């Protein structure tokens, strides 16, 4: 008899629970995809996909609320129709009658923990993969509707175009603006540009091949019949800790370079370190060659006067008067002209000798190995020896930092080639050979903040998921108890009253999460506040059932 009664109650709970889940999921799913639709301009087909991919996120909130609604409604009706009194008159205790509701609460709690720790991150990654697959359509659709598109994640490039033709992948009347530190660094223009996407595991590489292109920058202009620009289209959805699985969080704590936001800051810091080490080495060489030599023959020796950068297939030697390190670049200039000699690395055969007012050394990264940086030299308004023609811009690429620079920088790399992130974030000022610039100190500070922020977010996220998942059980039991107590009134009043303790738990979780993230407070305070909300719900549930048993 008891089994039949439990089966009857559980069937009623399940029926109301499923109907509530379907209704709430449809309403909340539409709201969850509004931001991707507005930000990325996805099409109708992508909307359906995104609704499916964001379903686990929606269910983590829907399941507890649906179970709360079902518990208060079914047990309230059960008590209101005097079925509860009949069961108790037959000798069945109230606690035994609550077993079906407790079973539903435990199922919801387990499902919530599985969804938040394992399922939801997988589906978010699938949603991002789906968006990246249609990245080209998103780009063209945004340009058609808004006239421009910003390349995530850092929005370093803004692409404007008069017309966009998806059929042949071309843009007309193109203007590309490169931003750095919220300032315009370069402007590229072109009559026609062809856009292609090269997919990688963690990002899409966007290549824009432009016809009749020109480039404008500070102090220089360059033009060419054909030109190309390559940019990285990073994470379309935010690469957040809240979208990580538990094993991914553990991996981040064990290896900070496995988390892209930290890895990006570390690579920027490492690249700036190499730039400043190289600039210091060039300055030392310049000052040494500028000093008068006791032996006249030494001053005549070009090998002593030139600073050399080896490369593949060509290398360079140059003479300059000044060297200024900037943000991932070095400006080479002088009171007189800068002389650059390009030659073949293997044969040492000279190729050309150029003279100019200014040259720039930029740091770039080898594809697939961003910790093995190379250098590119941009020579502006260059004139070749023996010629009167002026080259607006001449580029020498694939140059390698000298061994003395790499030897110093390699102390921040492990034997496996990864970066020692903690050392990179804390020990730069102690380098005896380097007087770090404001740029390097700022990057180091940003890296340290990102590390600390990521670690506290991991702690906050783990406790948030645990508290909310475990809190489903007392929350649903409170709804059942209030449903029985409010049997004489409107059934929905029990659900409304039981939402108040649930709101208290959510407030405690959000407040504790903010306290953990707050640099000025101790994380233990935030954790304690989260679990205090759960303890409050357990005590409240105990008080409600004590009253029911007493009566």
Protein backbone atom coordinates (compact mmCIF):
# COMPACT_ATOMS: atom_id res chain seq x y z
CA UNK A 1 0.00 0.00 0.00
CA UNK A 2 2.77 2.43 0.93
CA UNK A 3 4.57 1.75 -2.34
CA UNK A 4 1.35 2.42 -4.28
CA UNK A 5 0.87 5.69 -2.40
CA UNK A 6 4.46 6.77 -3.08
CA UNK A 7 4.04 5.86 -6.74
CA UNK A 8 0.85 7.94 -6.94
CA UNK A 9 2.47 11.01 -5.35
CA UNK A 10 5.65 10.72 -7.41
CA UNK A 11 3.64 10.39 -10.63
CA UNK A 12 1.78 13.60 -9.83
CA UNK A 13 5.04 15.35 -8.93
CA UNK A 14 6.66 14.20 -12.14
CA UNK A 15 3.75 15.33 -14.32
CA UNK A 16 3.69 18.86 -12.89
CA UNK A 17 7.51 18.98 -12.84
CA UNK A 18 7.85 18.11 -16.54
CA UNK A 19 5.19 20.63 -17.60
CA UNK A 20 6.90 23.36 -15.55
CA UNK A 21 10.32 22.46 -16.98
CA UNK A 22 9.04 22.70 -20.58
CA UNK A 23 7.28 26.03 -19.99
CA UNK A 24 10.15 27.68 -18.11
CA UNK A 25 12.79 26.34 -20.52
CA UNK A 26 11.03 27.81 -23.57
CA UNK A 27 10.77 31.21 -21.91
CA UNK A 28 14.33 31.36 -20.56
CA UNK A 29 15.97 29.84 -23.67
CA UNK A 30 14.79 32.72 -25.81
CA UNK A 31 16.29 35.18 -23.33
CA UNK A 32 19.64 33.36 -23.15
CA UNK A 33 20.33 33.66 -26.88
CA UNK A 34 19.43 37.34 -27.23
CA UNK A 35 22.99 38.50 -26.52
CA UNK A 36 24.66 36.26 -29.17
CA UNK A 37 21.97 37.28 -31.69
CA UNK A 38 22.51 40.98 -31.01
CA UNK A 39 26.31 40.80 -30.77
CA UNK A 40 27.11 38.40 -33.60
CA UNK A 41 24.07 38.65 -35.86
CA UNK A 42 23.49 34.90 -36.16
CA UNK A 43 20.97 33.54 -38.67
CA UNK A 44 17.72 31.58 -38.07
CA UNK A 45 19.43 28.20 -38.34
CA UNK A 46 22.04 29.21 -35.78
CA UNK A 47 19.30 30.40 -33.41
CA UNK A 48 17.89 26.87 -33.21
CA UNK A 49 21.36 25.42 -32.64
CA UNK A 50 22.14 27.95 -29.93
CA UNK A 51 18.88 27.19 -28.12
CA UNK A 52 19.99 23.56 -27.92
CA UNK A 53 23.54 24.43 -26.90
CA UNK A 54 22.40 26.81 -24.16
CA UNK A 55 19.79 24.33 -22.87
CA UNK A 56 22.04 22.97 -20.03
CA UNK A 57 22.64 26.53 -18.78
CA UNK A 58 18.90 27.13 -18.70
CA UNK A 59 18.19 23.79 -17.02
CA UNK A 60 20.52 24.54 -14.08
CA UNK A 61 18.04 27.27 -13.08
CA UNK A 62 14.84 25.70 -14.40
CA UNK A 63 15.06 22.30 -12.68
CA UNK A 64 15.12 23.61 -9.07
CA UNK A 65 12.32 26.11 -9.74
CA UNK A 66 10.18 23.51 -11.52
CA UNK A 67 10.68 21.00 -8.70
CA UNK A 68 9.87 23.70 -6.13
CA UNK A 69 6.68 24.54 -8.00
CA UNK A 70 5.71 20.87 -8.37
CA UNK A 71 6.38 20.09 -4.68
CA UNK A 72 4.38 23.01 -3.29
CA UNK A 73 1.51 22.49 -5.76
CA UNK A 74 1.13 18.70 -5.49
CA UNK A 75 1.55 18.44 -1.72
CA UNK A 76 -0.66 21.50 -1.22
CA UNK A 77 -3.44 19.89 -3.26
CA UNK A 78 -2.76 16.56 -1.50
CA UNK A 79 -3.27 18.21 1.88
CA UNK A 80 -6.15 20.42 0.70
CA UNK A 81 -8.19 17.43 -0.51
CA UNK A 82 -7.78 15.79 2.95
CA UNK A 83 -5.78 12.94 1.39
CA UNK A 84 -2.92 13.74 3.77
CA UNK A 85 -5.24 13.54 6.78
CA UNK A 86 -6.58 10.18 5.57
CA UNK A 87 -3.07 8.78 5.24
CA UNK A 88 -2.06 9.99 8.67
CA UNK A 89 -5.26 8.52 10.14
CA UNK A 90 -4.20 5.18 8.63
CA UNK A 91 -0.97 5.34 10.61
CA UNK A 92 1.34 6.61 7.87
CA UNK A 93 3.71 9.27 9.19
CA UNK A 94 4.20 12.60 7.46
CA UNK A 95 7.91 11.96 6.87
CA UNK A 96 7.13 8.80 4.88
CA UNK A 97 4.71 10.75 2.72
CA UNK A 98 7.50 13.23 1.94
CA UNK A 99 9.75 10.47 0.51
CA UNK A 100 8.61 11.01 -3.13
CA UNK A 101 9.31 14.74 -2.83
CA UNK A 102 12.68 14.03 -1.22
CA UNK A 103 13.51 11.62 -4.06
CA UNK A 104 12.69 14.33 -6.62
CA UNK A 105 14.79 16.86 -4.67
CA UNK A 106 17.81 14.52 -4.61
CA UNK A 107 17.42 13.80 -8.34
CA UNK A 108 17.28 17.52 -9.12
CA UNK A 109 20.32 18.25 -6.92
CA UNK A 110 22.40 15.50 -8.59
CA UNK A 111 21.25 16.60 -12.06
CA UNK A 112 22.10 20.22 -11.23
CA UNK A 113 25.63 19.30 -10.10
CA UNK A 114 26.23 17.15 -13.19
CA UNK A 115 24.91 19.88 -15.47
CA UNK A 116 26.98 22.66 -13.90
CA UNK A 117 30.24 20.75 -13.50
CA UNK A 118 30.27 18.64 -16.67
CA UNK A 119 27.44 19.05 -19.20
CA UNK A 120 27.02 22.84 -19.41
CA UNK A 121 30.72 23.59 -20.22
CA UNK A 122 30.70 20.98 -23.01
CA UNK A 123 27.63 22.51 -24.65
CA UNK A 124 29.00 26.06 -24.34
CA UNK A 125 32.16 24.95 -26.14
CA UNK A 126 30.00 23.35 -28.84
CA UNK A 127 28.08 26.60 -29.20
CA UNK A 128 31.35 28.50 -29.67
CA UNK A 129 32.55 25.92 -32.19
CA UNK A 130 29.30 26.33 -34.10
CA UNK A 131 29.69 30.10 -34.16
CA UNK A 132 33.29 29.80 -35.35
CA UNK A 133 32.20 27.47 -38.16
CA UNK A 134 29.94 30.23 -39.45
CA UNK A 135 32.37 33.03 -38.58
CA UNK A 136 32.56 34.18 -42.19
CA UNK A 137 28.77 34.44 -42.45
CA UNK A 138 28.67 36.33 -39.16
CA UNK A 139 31.30 38.79 -40.40
CA UNK A 140 29.54 39.45 -43.71
CA UNK A 141 26.09 39.62 -42.07
CA UNK A 142 27.31 42.24 -39.57
CA UNK A 143 28.96 44.31 -42.27
CA UNK A 144 25.75 44.20 -44.33
CA UNK A 145 23.56 45.23 -41.42
CA UNK A 146 25.85 47.60 -39.45
CA UNK A 147 28.52 48.51 -42.01
CA UNK A 148 31.38 47.28 -39.80
CA UNK A 149 32.58 44.37 -37.66
CA UNK A 150 34.91 44.14 -34.65
CA UNK A 151 37.19 41.12 -34.40
CA UNK A 152 37.01 39.51 -30.91
CA UNK A 153 38.42 38.94 -28.36
CA UNK A 154 40.46 42.13 -27.99
CA UNK A 155 38.68 44.14 -30.70
CA UNK A 156 42.06 45.17 -32.11
CA UNK A 157 40.70 45.39 -35.66
CA UNK A 158 37.62 47.19 -36.92
CA UNK A 159 36.56 46.33 -40.47
CA UNK A 160 34.39 48.80 -42.39
CA UNK A 161 33.06 48.13 -45.89
CA UNK A 162 30.58 49.72 -48.28
CA UNK A 163 29.43 46.38 -49.74
CA UNK A 164 29.74 42.74 -48.69
CA UNK A 165 29.32 39.84 -51.14
CA UNK A 166 29.17 36.47 -49.36
CA UNK A 167 28.97 34.47 -52.60
CA UNK A 168 32.52 35.36 -53.70
CA UNK A 169 33.84 36.34 -50.21
CA UNK A 170 34.65 39.92 -51.21
CA UNK A 171 34.29 43.32 -49.58
CA UNK A 172 34.21 46.63 -51.47
CA UNK A 173 35.32 50.01 -50.19
CA UNK A 174 37.24 48.54 -47.28
CA UNK A 175 38.77 50.36 -44.31
CA UNK A 176 40.53 48.33 -41.60
CA UNK A 177 41.56 50.11 -38.40
CA UNK A 178 44.12 48.53 -36.08
CA UNK A 179 43.70 49.57 -32.45
CA UNK A 180 46.23 49.32 -29.64
CA UNK A 181 45.68 50.66 -26.11
CA UNK A 182 42.42 52.30 -27.28
CA UNK A 183 44.35 54.31 -29.87
CA UNK A 184 44.41 54.04 -33.65
CA UNK A 185 47.75 52.59 -34.67
CA UNK A 186 47.28 51.87 -38.37
CA UNK A 187 44.64 52.35 -41.04
CA UNK A 188 44.43 50.10 -44.09
CA UNK A 189 42.24 50.96 -47.08
CA UNK A 190 41.44 48.98 -50.22
CA UNK A 191 39.07 49.07 -53.17
CA UNK A 192 38.33 45.34 -53.00
CA UNK A 193 39.29 42.73 -50.40
CA UNK A 194 38.86 38.95 -50.37
CA UNK A 195 38.28 37.40 -46.93
CA UNK A 196 39.33 33.85 -46.04
CA UNK A 197 39.26 31.94 -42.75
CA UNK A 198 41.88 29.45 -41.61
CA UNK A 199 40.47 27.45 -38.64
CA UNK A 200 42.72 26.50 -35.70
CA UNK A 201 41.94 24.57 -32.55
CA UNK A 202 41.41 27.62 -30.32
CA UNK A 203 40.88 30.42 -32.84
CA UNK A 204 40.16 31.33 -36.44
CA UNK A 205 42.77 33.13 -38.47
CA UNK A 206 41.27 35.82 -40.70
CA UNK A 207 43.22 36.76 -43.81
CA UNK A 208 42.23 39.78 -45.88
CA UNK A 209 43.82 39.97 -49.34
CA UNK A 210 43.27 43.48 -50.67
CA UNK A 211 43.57 44.97 -54.16
CA UNK A 212 44.85 48.53 -54.64
CA UNK A 213 45.53 48.83 -50.94
CA UNK A 214 47.22 51.55 -48.93
CA UNK A 215 48.37 51.90 -45.35
CA UNK A 216 48.48 54.99 -43.22
CA UNK A 217 50.30 55.21 -39.92
CA UNK A 218 52.08 57.62 -37.69
CA UNK A 219 54.70 59.35 -39.74
CA UNK A 220 54.48 57.03 -42.73
CA UNK A 221 52.32 56.00 -45.64
CA UNK A 222 52.61 53.02 -47.90
CA UNK A 223 50.76 51.80 -50.96
CA UNK A 224 50.71 48.66 -53.04
CA UNK A 225 48.68 47.02 -55.79
CA UNK A 226 48.12 43.98 -53.58
CA UNK A 227 48.37 43.73 -49.81
CA UNK A 228 47.39 41.31 -47.08
CA UNK A 229 46.42 41.49 -43.43
CA UNK A 230 46.19 38.56 -41.03
CA UNK A 231 44.33 38.78 -37.71
CA UNK A 232 43.23 36.31 -35.06
CA UNK A 233 39.52 35.79 -34.48
CA UNK A 234 39.60 34.53 -30.92
CA UNK A 235 36.92 33.35 -28.55
CA UNK A 236 33.49 34.51 -29.73
CA UNK A 237 31.89 33.60 -26.41
CA UNK A 238 33.63 34.83 -23.30
CA UNK A 239 36.41 32.50 -22.18
CA UNK A 240 35.16 32.50 -18.62
CA UNK A 241 35.80 30.28 -15.62
CA UNK A 242 32.04 29.81 -15.27
CA UNK A 243 32.06 27.82 -18.53
CA UNK A 244 34.80 25.42 -17.40
CA UNK A 245 34.45 21.81 -16.27
CA UNK A 246 35.84 20.80 -12.90
CA UNK A 247 38.79 18.96 -14.45
CA UNK A 248 39.56 22.05 -16.57
CA UNK A 249 39.63 24.16 -13.41
CA UNK A 250 42.05 21.73 -11.80
CA UNK A 251 44.21 21.84 -14.92
CA UNK A 252 44.28 25.65 -14.80
CA UNK A 253 45.43 25.58 -11.16
CA UNK A 254 48.16 23.10 -12.06
CA UNK A 255 49.19 24.83 -15.31
CA UNK A 256 48.26 28.51 -15.60
CA UNK A 257 49.24 28.59 -19.28
CA UNK A 258 46.32 26.27 -20.07
CA UNK A 259 43.90 29.19 -19.49
CA UNK A 260 43.82 31.45 -22.55
CA UNK A 261 43.37 34.83 -20.77
CA UNK A 262 46.43 34.13 -18.59
CA UNK A 263 48.37 32.71 -21.55
CA UNK A 264 47.66 35.83 -23.63
CA UNK A 265 48.90 38.16 -20.87
CA UNK A 266 51.95 35.95 -20.29
CA UNK A 267 52.84 35.96 -23.99
CA UNK A 268 52.47 39.74 -24.15
CA UNK A 269 54.75 40.13 -21.13
CA UNK A 270 57.29 37.68 -22.54
CA UNK A 271 57.28 39.43 -25.93
CA UNK A 272 57.79 42.84 -24.30
CA UNK A 273 60.61 41.38 -22.21
CA UNK A 274 62.39 40.24 -25.38
CA UNK A 275 61.83 43.62 -27.02
CA UNK A 276 63.35 45.50 -24.10
CA UNK A 277 66.27 43.09 -23.75
CA UNK A 278 66.95 43.50 -27.46
CA UNK A 279 66.63 47.29 -27.27
CA UNK A 280 69.08 47.38 -24.38
CA UNK A 281 71.53 45.19 -26.29
CA UNK A 282 71.26 47.47 -29.33
CA UNK A 283 71.77 50.57 -27.15
CA UNK A 284 74.87 49.00 -25.61
CA UNK A 285 76.26 48.23 -29.06
CA UNK A 286 75.45 51.75 -30.30
CA UNK A 287 77.16 53.41 -27.35
CA UNK A 288 80.19 51.11 -27.71
CA UNK A 289 80.67 51.85 -31.41
CA UNK A 290 80.11 55.57 -30.82
CA UNK A 291 83.08 55.77 -28.44
CA UNK A 292 86.43 56.72 -30.04
CA UNK A 293 88.74 53.76 -30.46
CA UNK A 294 92.44 53.73 -29.65
CA UNK A 295 93.10 51.78 -32.84
CA UNK A 296 92.02 53.60 -36.02
CA UNK A 297 91.58 50.29 -37.79
CA UNK A 298 88.83 49.36 -35.34
CA UNK A 299 86.70 52.30 -36.43
CA UNK A 300 87.06 51.21 -40.02
CA UNK A 301 85.90 47.69 -39.28
CA UNK A 302 82.26 47.41 -40.41
CA UNK A 303 81.69 44.30 -38.31
CA UNK A 304 82.14 46.43 -35.19
CA UNK A 305 80.01 49.27 -36.49
CA UNK A 306 77.02 47.15 -37.58
CA UNK A 307 74.51 45.46 -35.28
CA UNK A 308 73.60 42.05 -36.68
CA UNK A 309 70.33 40.11 -36.60
CA UNK A 310 70.40 36.66 -38.14
CA UNK A 311 67.40 35.25 -39.96
CA UNK A 312 66.07 32.77 -42.48
CA UNK A 313 66.73 33.01 -45.38
CA UNK A 314 68.17 36.54 -45.07
CA UNK A 315 69.90 38.40 -42.25
CA UNK A 316 70.54 42.10 -41.64
CA UNK A 317 73.20 44.43 -40.29
CA UNK A 318 72.36 48.01 -39.45
CA UNK A 319 73.90 51.22 -38.10
CA UNK A 320 71.74 53.60 -36.03
CA UNK A 321 72.13 56.47 -33.62
CA UNK A 322 69.10 55.89 -31.38
CA UNK A 323 67.00 52.94 -30.23
CA UNK A 324 63.68 53.35 -28.38
CA UNK A 325 61.65 50.40 -27.07
CA UNK A 326 57.87 50.70 -27.41
CA UNK A 327 54.99 48.28 -27.02
CA UNK A 328 56.23 45.09 -28.76
CA UNK A 329 58.31 47.20 -31.16
CA UNK A 330 61.62 49.05 -31.35
CA UNK A 331 62.11 52.33 -33.18
CA UNK A 332 65.56 52.68 -34.78
CA UNK A 333 66.61 56.16 -35.89
CA UNK A 334 69.52 58.58 -35.63
CA UNK A 335 70.80 62.06 -36.21
CA UNK A 336 72.06 60.78 -39.54
CA UNK A 337 70.54 58.13 -41.76
CA UNK A 338 69.98 54.56 -40.63
CA UNK A 339 71.94 52.17 -42.84
CA UNK A 340 70.60 48.62 -43.25
CA UNK A 341 72.49 45.89 -45.08
CA UNK A 342 70.55 42.76 -46.10
CA UNK A 343 72.46 39.62 -47.01
CA UNK A 344 71.94 35.88 -47.50
CA UNK A 345 72.45 34.00 -44.24
CA UNK A 346 74.13 30.92 -45.70
CA UNK A 347 76.37 32.44 -48.38
CA UNK A 348 76.94 35.86 -46.72
CA UNK A 349 76.32 37.35 -50.15
CA UNK A 350 75.08 40.98 -49.90
CA UNK A 351 71.64 41.57 -51.39
CA UNK A 352 71.08 45.29 -50.92
CA UNK A 353 72.06 48.23 -48.74
CA UNK A 354 69.32 50.66 -47.75
CA UNK A 355 69.42 54.04 -46.07
CA UNK A 356 66.43 55.57 -44.32
CA UNK A 357 65.40 57.97 -41.58
CA UNK A 358 63.61 55.39 -39.47
CA UNK A 359 63.11 51.63 -39.17
CA UNK A 360 60.91 49.59 -36.85
CA UNK A 361 61.54 46.17 -35.36
CA UNK A 362 58.28 44.32 -34.60
CA UNK A 363 57.95 41.09 -32.69
CA UNK A 364 55.86 38.35 -34.28
CA UNK A 365 55.17 34.74 -33.35
CA UNK A 366 55.76 31.53 -35.25
CA UNK A 367 52.45 29.77 -35.93
CA UNK A 368 52.00 26.91 -33.49
CA UNK A 369 54.85 28.10 -31.25
CA UNK A 370 54.03 31.50 -29.81
CA UNK A 371 56.91 31.24 -27.35
CA UNK A 372 59.50 31.23 -30.16
CA UNK A 373 59.15 34.83 -31.34
CA UNK A 374 60.75 36.22 -34.47
CA UNK A 375 61.31 39.79 -35.59
CA UNK A 376 60.23 41.79 -38.62
CA UNK A 377 62.03 44.95 -39.69
CA UNK A 378 59.96 47.65 -41.41
CA UNK A 379 62.10 50.20 -43.25
CA UNK A 380 60.25 53.41 -44.17
CA UNK A 381 61.13 55.75 -47.04
CA UNK A 382 64.16 53.64 -47.89
CA UNK A 383 66.64 54.44 -50.66
CA UNK A 384 68.83 51.68 -52.06
CA UNK A 385 72.52 52.32 -52.51
CA UNK A 386 73.23 53.43 -56.08
CA UNK A 387 69.57 54.23 -56.81
CA UNK A 388 67.50 57.41 -56.67
CA UNK A 389 64.13 55.64 -56.31
CA UNK A 390 62.40 55.81 -52.93
CA UNK A 391 60.72 52.71 -51.46
CA UNK A 392 57.80 53.73 -49.26
CA UNK A 393 58.06 50.59 -47.13
CA UNK A 394 60.45 47.65 -47.25
CA UNK A 395 60.00 44.60 -45.00
CA UNK A 396 62.57 42.04 -43.85
CA UNK A 397 60.97 39.19 -41.92
CA UNK A 398 61.95 36.03 -39.99
CA UNK A 399 64.78 37.62 -38.03
CA UNK A 400 65.88 35.91 -34.81
CA UNK A 401 66.70 37.63 -31.50
CA UNK A 402 70.42 37.31 -30.69
CA UNK A 403 71.59 34.51 -28.35
CA UNK A 404 72.35 36.92 -25.47
CA UNK A 405 68.69 38.05 -25.48
CA UNK A 406 67.28 34.52 -25.75
CA UNK A 407 69.58 33.27 -22.97
CA UNK A 408 68.20 35.87 -20.55
CA UNK A 409 64.59 35.38 -21.64
CA UNK A 410 64.80 31.57 -21.48
CA UNK A 411 65.10 31.62 -17.69
CA UNK A 412 61.34 32.30 -17.76
CA UNK A 413 60.67 29.12 -19.76
CA UNK A 414 60.46 25.53 -18.57
CA UNK A 415 62.42 22.66 -20.10
CA UNK A 416 59.29 21.73 -22.04
CA UNK A 417 59.17 25.19 -23.61
CA UNK A 418 56.23 26.59 -21.63
CA UNK A 419 56.38 29.85 -19.70
CA UNK A 420 57.00 30.03 -15.96
CA UNK A 421 54.02 32.29 -15.42
CA UNK A 422 54.47 32.94 -11.69
CA UNK A 423 58.14 33.84 -12.18
CA UNK A 424 57.31 36.04 -15.16
CA UNK A 425 54.73 37.89 -13.08
CA UNK A 426 56.91 38.44 -10.02
CA UNK A 427 60.64 38.48 -10.77
CA UNK A 428 61.09 40.94 -13.64
CA UNK A 429 62.29 43.84 -11.45
CA UNK A 430 65.09 41.63 -10.06
CA UNK A 431 66.70 41.08 -13.47
CA UNK A 432 70.16 42.65 -13.15
CA UNK A 433 70.55 43.24 -16.89
CA UNK A 434 67.23 44.99 -17.41
CA UNK A 435 65.80 48.28 -16.28
CA UNK A 436 62.14 47.52 -16.94
CA UNK A 437 60.08 50.21 -18.63
CA UNK A 438 56.56 51.37 -17.65
CA UNK A 439 55.21 49.16 -20.48
CA UNK A 440 56.82 46.04 -19.04
CA UNK A 441 55.81 46.88 -15.47
CA UNK A 442 52.23 47.46 -16.60
CA UNK A 443 52.11 44.13 -18.47
CA UNK A 444 53.61 42.35 -15.46
CA UNK A 445 50.98 43.94 -13.21
CA UNK A 446 48.18 42.92 -15.60
CA UNK A 447 49.52 39.36 -15.69
CA UNK A 448 49.64 39.17 -11.89
CA UNK A 449 46.09 40.53 -11.62
CA UNK A 450 44.84 38.01 -14.20
CA UNK A 451 46.45 35.12 -12.31
CA UNK A 452 45.01 36.20 -8.95
CA UNK A 453 41.61 36.93 -10.50
CA UNK A 454 41.46 33.55 -12.27
CA UNK A 455 42.37 31.59 -9.15
CA UNK A 456 39.78 33.33 -6.96
CA UNK A 457 37.15 32.92 -9.70
CA UNK A 458 37.86 29.19 -9.76
CA UNK A 459 37.37 29.02 -5.99
CA UNK A 460 34.19 31.10 -6.19
CA UNK A 461 32.76 29.06 -9.05
CA UNK A 462 33.36 25.68 -7.40
CA UNK A 463 31.68 26.77 -4.14
CA UNK A 464 28.82 28.45 -6.07
CA UNK A 465 27.98 25.26 -7.94
CA UNK A 466 28.28 23.08 -4.83
CA UNK A 467 26.12 25.33 -2.64
CA UNK A 468 23.42 25.86 -5.28
CA UNK A 469 23.32 22.16 -6.17
CA UNK A 470 23.13 21.01 -2.54
CA UNK A 471 20.67 23.80 -1.73
CA UNK A 472 18.11 22.30 -4.11
CA UNK A 473 17.25 19.64 -1.52
CA UNK A 474 16.24 21.88 1.45
CA UNK A 475 14.73 24.40 -1.00
CA UNK A 476 12.30 21.80 -2.45
CA UNK A 477 11.55 20.35 0.99
CA UNK A 478 10.64 23.84 2.20
CA UNK A 479 8.27 24.17 -0.76
CA UNK A 480 6.62 20.86 0.14
CA UNK A 481 6.26 21.88 3.80
CA UNK A 482 4.80 25.29 2.95
CA UNK A 483 2.44 23.65 0.49
CA UNK A 484 1.04 21.50 3.30
CA UNK A 485 0.83 24.46 5.69
CA UNK A 486 -0.93 26.69 3.13
CA UNK A 487 -3.44 23.99 2.16
CA UNK A 488 -6.38 26.16 3.12
CA UNK A 489 -5.35 29.09 0.89
CA UNK A 490 -4.45 29.53 -2.75
CA UNK A 491 -2.03 26.84 -3.93
CA UNK A 492 0.28 29.34 -5.64
CA UNK A 493 0.74 31.23 -2.37
CA UNK A 494 2.81 28.30 -1.07
CA UNK A 495 5.05 28.50 -4.14
CA UNK A 496 5.40 32.26 -3.70
CA UNK A 497 6.30 31.89 -0.03
CA UNK A 498 8.85 29.14 -0.76
CA UNK A 499 10.55 31.38 -3.34
CA UNK A 500 11.65 33.72 -0.53
CA UNK A 501 14.10 31.21 1.10
CA UNK A 502 15.35 30.35 -2.41
CA UNK A 503 15.99 34.06 -3.03
CA UNK A 504 17.88 34.27 0.28
CA UNK A 505 20.15 31.41 -0.85
CA UNK A 506 20.81 33.08 -4.21
CA UNK A 507 21.60 36.41 -2.50
CA UNK A 508 24.04 34.66 -0.16
CA UNK A 509 25.70 32.91 -3.11
CA UNK A 510 26.04 36.09 -5.18
CA UNK A 511 27.24 38.16 -2.21
CA UNK A 512 29.75 35.49 -1.22
CA UNK A 513 30.97 35.24 -4.80
CA UNK A 514 31.55 39.00 -4.92
CA UNK A 515 33.36 38.90 -1.59
CA UNK A 516 35.70 36.17 -2.86
CA UNK A 517 36.48 38.23 -5.96
CA UNK A 518 36.98 41.44 -3.96
CA UNK A 519 40.76 42.02 -3.61
CA UNK A 520 40.29 43.83 -0.31
CA UNK A 521 38.58 40.97 1.52
CA UNK A 522 39.53 37.46 2.54
CA UNK A 523 38.08 34.70 0.37
CA UNK A 524 37.12 32.65 3.44
CA UNK A 525 34.50 35.29 4.28
CA UNK A 526 32.78 34.87 0.95
CA UNK A 527 32.89 31.07 1.18
CA UNK A 528 31.43 31.20 4.69
CA UNK A 529 28.60 33.47 3.51
CA UNK A 530 27.70 31.04 0.70
CA UNK A 531 27.50 28.04 3.01
CA UNK A 532 25.67 30.13 5.63
CA UNK A 533 22.85 30.52 3.11
CA UNK A 534 22.67 26.72 2.77
CA UNK A 535 22.70 26.27 6.55
CA UNK A 536 19.85 28.82 6.82
CA UNK A 537 17.73 26.75 4.39
CA UNK A 538 18.44 23.52 6.31
CA UNK A 539 17.47 25.13 9.63
CA UNK A 540 14.32 26.62 8.11
CA UNK A 541 13.34 23.23 6.66
CA UNK A 542 13.93 21.61 10.05
CA UNK A 543 11.70 24.22 11.76
CA UNK A 544 8.88 23.75 9.24
CA UNK A 545 8.83 19.96 9.57
CA UNK A 546 9.12 20.17 13.36
CA UNK A 547 5.96 22.27 13.32
CA UNK A 548 4.18 19.85 10.98
CA UNK A 549 5.11 16.83 13.09
CA UNK A 550 4.11 18.59 16.27
CA UNK A 551 0.66 19.43 14.93
